[in-house]
Amino acid sequence: MEIAIQLKDILFLVFLVLAVYISYRQGAKAGLEMGIDGTLAMIEDKGFIKVVELSDGEIQIIRNES
């Protein structure tokens, strides 16, 4: 029994692995962003911190002293 692997089969596998990797990385980044934003909003709603957006688009987190 002979197994013949053609170039198109190898290219297909390489493409598939790259697509899975890129999809995973994008999903992980988006999930991390959503988690951080949600956590900051929840902590701010509870009154522990105050989130201020600066003029350059950055945010500053200020701890409430209550």
Protein backbone atom coordinates (compact mmCIF):
# COMPACT_ATOMS: atom_id res chain seq x y z
CA MET A 1 0.00 0.00 0.00
CA GLU A 2 1.49 3.28 -1.11
CA ILE A 3 0.54 6.64 0.36
CA ALA A 4 1.02 9.47 -2.08
CA ILE A 5 1.02 12.97 -0.68
CA GLN A 6 0.75 15.66 -3.28
CA LEU A 7 1.86 19.25 -2.99
CA LYS A 8 -1.75 20.46 -3.03
CA ASP A 9 -2.47 18.32 0.05
CA ILE A 10 0.45 19.83 1.97
CA LEU A 11 -0.55 23.37 0.93
CA PHE A 12 -4.13 22.69 2.04
CA LEU A 13 -2.95 21.58 5.47
CA VAL A 14 -0.64 24.59 5.83
CA PHE A 15 -3.49 26.93 4.87
CA LEU A 16 -5.84 25.20 7.32
CA VAL A 17 -3.37 25.43 10.21
CA LEU A 18 -2.73 29.14 9.50
CA ALA A 19 -6.45 29.91 9.31
CA VAL A 20 -7.11 28.14 12.62
CA TYR A 21 -4.20 29.92 14.32
CA ILE A 22 -5.22 33.38 13.08
CA SER A 23 -8.84 32.78 14.07
CA TYR A 24 -7.79 31.63 17.54
CA ARG A 25 -5.55 34.66 18.10
CA GLN A 26 -8.23 37.13 16.98
CA GLY A 27 -10.82 35.47 19.22
CA ALA A 28 -8.48 35.51 22.20
CA LYS A 29 -7.71 39.20 21.73
CA ALA A 30 -11.39 40.14 21.34
CA GLY A 31 -12.36 38.07 24.37
CA LEU A 32 -9.66 39.63 26.49
CA GLU A 33 -10.76 43.12 25.50
CA MET A 34 -14.39 42.37 26.28
CA GLY A 35 -13.44 40.86 29.63
CA ILE A 36 -11.32 43.83 30.65
CA ASP A 37 -13.95 46.36 29.56
CA GLY A 38 -16.72 44.45 31.35
CA THR A 39 -14.70 44.09 34.53
CA LEU A 40 -13.79 47.79 34.62
CA ALA A 41 -17.43 48.77 34.04
CA MET A 42 -18.60 46.45 36.84
CA ILE A 43 -16.01 47.75 39.32
CA GLU A 44 -16.86 51.34 38.38
CA ASP A 45 -20.60 50.67 38.83
CA LYS A 46 -19.90 49.35 42.34
CA GLY A 47 -18.10 52.60 43.17
CA PHE A 48 -14.61 51.22 43.79
CA ILE A 49 -12.97 53.13 40.92
CA LYS A 50 -13.64 55.96 38.51
CA VAL A 51 -12.60 55.61 34.85
CA VAL A 52 -11.72 58.88 33.11
CA GLU A 53 -11.01 59.12 29.38
CA LEU A 54 -8.18 61.52 28.61
CA SER A 55 -8.01 63.81 25.57
CA ASP A 56 -5.56 61.48 23.79
CA GLY A 57 -7.96 58.52 24.03
CA GLU A 58 -6.19 56.78 26.91
CA ILE A 59 -8.07 55.97 30.08
CA GLN A 60 -7.07 56.78 33.62
CA ILE A 61 -8.34 54.67 36.54
CA ILE A 62 -8.79 56.55 39.80
CA ARG A 63 -9.37 54.69 43.08
CA ASN A 64 -12.27 55.97 45.16
CA GLU A 65 -11.34 56.61 48.78
CA SER A 66 -14.75 55.97 50.35
